[in-house]
Amino acid sequence: MDILKALRAEETKFLGQIEAARQQVETVRTAIKLLGGKSATNGNRNSSGTTRKKMSAEGRARIAAAQRKRWAKIRAARKA
C-alpha cells in the first residue's frame, strides 16, 4: 500500500510540473505576440514590423542596367 501512495504522490508532483510548463509556454507565446508575432509569416513586414516598399519594374530595370554597365567596365579592364 505504501508503494501506491508513493506513486500517487509522484503523479501529483509530475502533474504540477506539467502545469508549470504549460504556463511557461503560454508566457513565451504571449511575449512572441507582443514582439511582433511570427516574422516568417508576416508577409511584407521586415524585422522591425514595418511594411516594405515595393520597387517598380522601372526602378529594377535602372538598377539592372547600371549593374550591367559596371560589369562591362570590369570585363573591359580585364581584357586590356
Protein backbone atom coordinates (compact mmCIF):
# COMPACT_ATOMS: atom_id res chain seq x y z
CA MET A 1 0.00 0.00 0.00
CA ASP A 2 2.87 2.41 0.66
CA ILE A 3 4.01 1.90 -2.94
CA LEU A 4 0.64 3.06 -4.30
CA LYS A 5 0.69 6.10 -2.05
CA ALA A 6 4.22 6.97 -3.23
CA LEU A 7 3.25 6.53 -6.89
CA ARG A 8 0.21 8.79 -6.45
CA ALA A 9 2.43 11.41 -4.81
CA GLU A 10 4.83 11.24 -7.78
CA GLU A 11 1.92 11.52 -10.17
CA THR A 12 0.70 14.64 -8.40
CA LYS A 13 4.20 16.12 -8.49
CA PHE A 14 4.53 15.47 -12.25
CA LEU A 15 1.09 16.91 -12.95
CA GLY A 16 2.17 20.08 -11.15
CA GLN A 17 5.32 20.25 -13.27
CA ILE A 18 3.27 19.80 -16.43
CA GLU A 19 1.00 22.68 -15.45
CA ALA A 20 4.01 24.91 -14.66
CA ALA A 21 5.50 24.08 -18.08
CA ARG A 22 2.20 24.91 -19.79
CA GLN A 23 2.15 28.30 -18.07
CA GLN A 24 5.73 28.99 -19.18
CA VAL A 25 4.86 28.10 -22.78
CA GLU A 26 1.87 30.43 -22.64
CA THR A 27 4.08 33.21 -21.28
CA VAL A 28 6.54 32.74 -24.14
CA ARG A 29 3.72 32.73 -26.70
CA THR A 30 2.38 35.97 -25.25
CA ALA A 31 5.84 37.54 -25.46
CA ILE A 32 6.15 36.46 -29.10
CA LYS A 33 2.79 38.08 -29.92
CA LEU A 34 3.80 41.30 -28.16
CA LEU A 35 7.10 41.46 -30.02
CA GLY A 36 5.57 41.24 -33.46
CA GLY A 37 4.39 37.71 -33.94
CA LYS A 38 5.84 35.22 -36.36
CA SER A 39 8.33 37.05 -38.53
CA ALA A 40 8.44 34.29 -41.15
CA THR A 41 4.75 34.71 -41.95
CA ASN A 42 4.38 38.47 -41.69
CA GLY A 43 4.09 38.98 -45.43
CA ASN A 44 5.76 42.22 -46.49
CA ARG A 45 6.90 43.14 -42.99
CA ASN A 46 10.56 43.33 -42.06
CA SER A 47 12.08 42.53 -38.67
CA SER A 48 11.09 45.91 -37.21
CA GLY A 49 7.44 45.28 -38.13
CA THR A 50 7.14 47.96 -40.79
CA THR A 51 5.96 47.17 -44.30
CA ARG A 52 8.48 47.08 -47.12
CA LYS A 53 8.12 49.41 -50.06
CA LYS A 54 7.78 47.67 -53.39
CA MET A 55 10.16 48.68 -56.13
CA SER A 56 8.72 49.46 -59.54
CA ALA A 57 9.72 47.48 -62.59
CA GLU A 58 11.24 50.67 -63.99
CA GLY A 59 13.39 51.11 -60.90
CA ARG A 60 14.57 47.49 -61.04
CA ALA A 61 15.41 47.93 -64.74
CA ARG A 62 17.52 51.03 -63.99
CA ILE A 63 19.41 49.19 -61.25
CA ALA A 64 19.97 46.17 -63.52
CA ALA A 65 21.23 48.40 -66.35
CA ALA A 66 23.65 50.18 -64.01
CA GLN A 67 24.95 46.83 -62.75
CA ARG A 68 25.43 45.54 -66.30
CA LYS A 69 27.36 48.74 -67.07
CA ARG A 70 29.61 48.17 -64.03
CA TRP A 71 30.26 44.56 -65.04
CA ALA A 72 31.03 45.60 -68.61
CA LYS A 73 33.59 48.08 -67.29
CA ILE A 74 35.22 45.32 -65.18
CA ARG A 75 35.31 42.89 -68.12
CA ALA A 76 36.80 45.56 -70.40
CA ALA A 77 39.52 46.24 -67.83
CA ARG A 78 40.39 42.53 -67.70
CA LYS A 79 40.80 42.32 -71.48
CA ALA A 80 43.01 45.40 -71.66
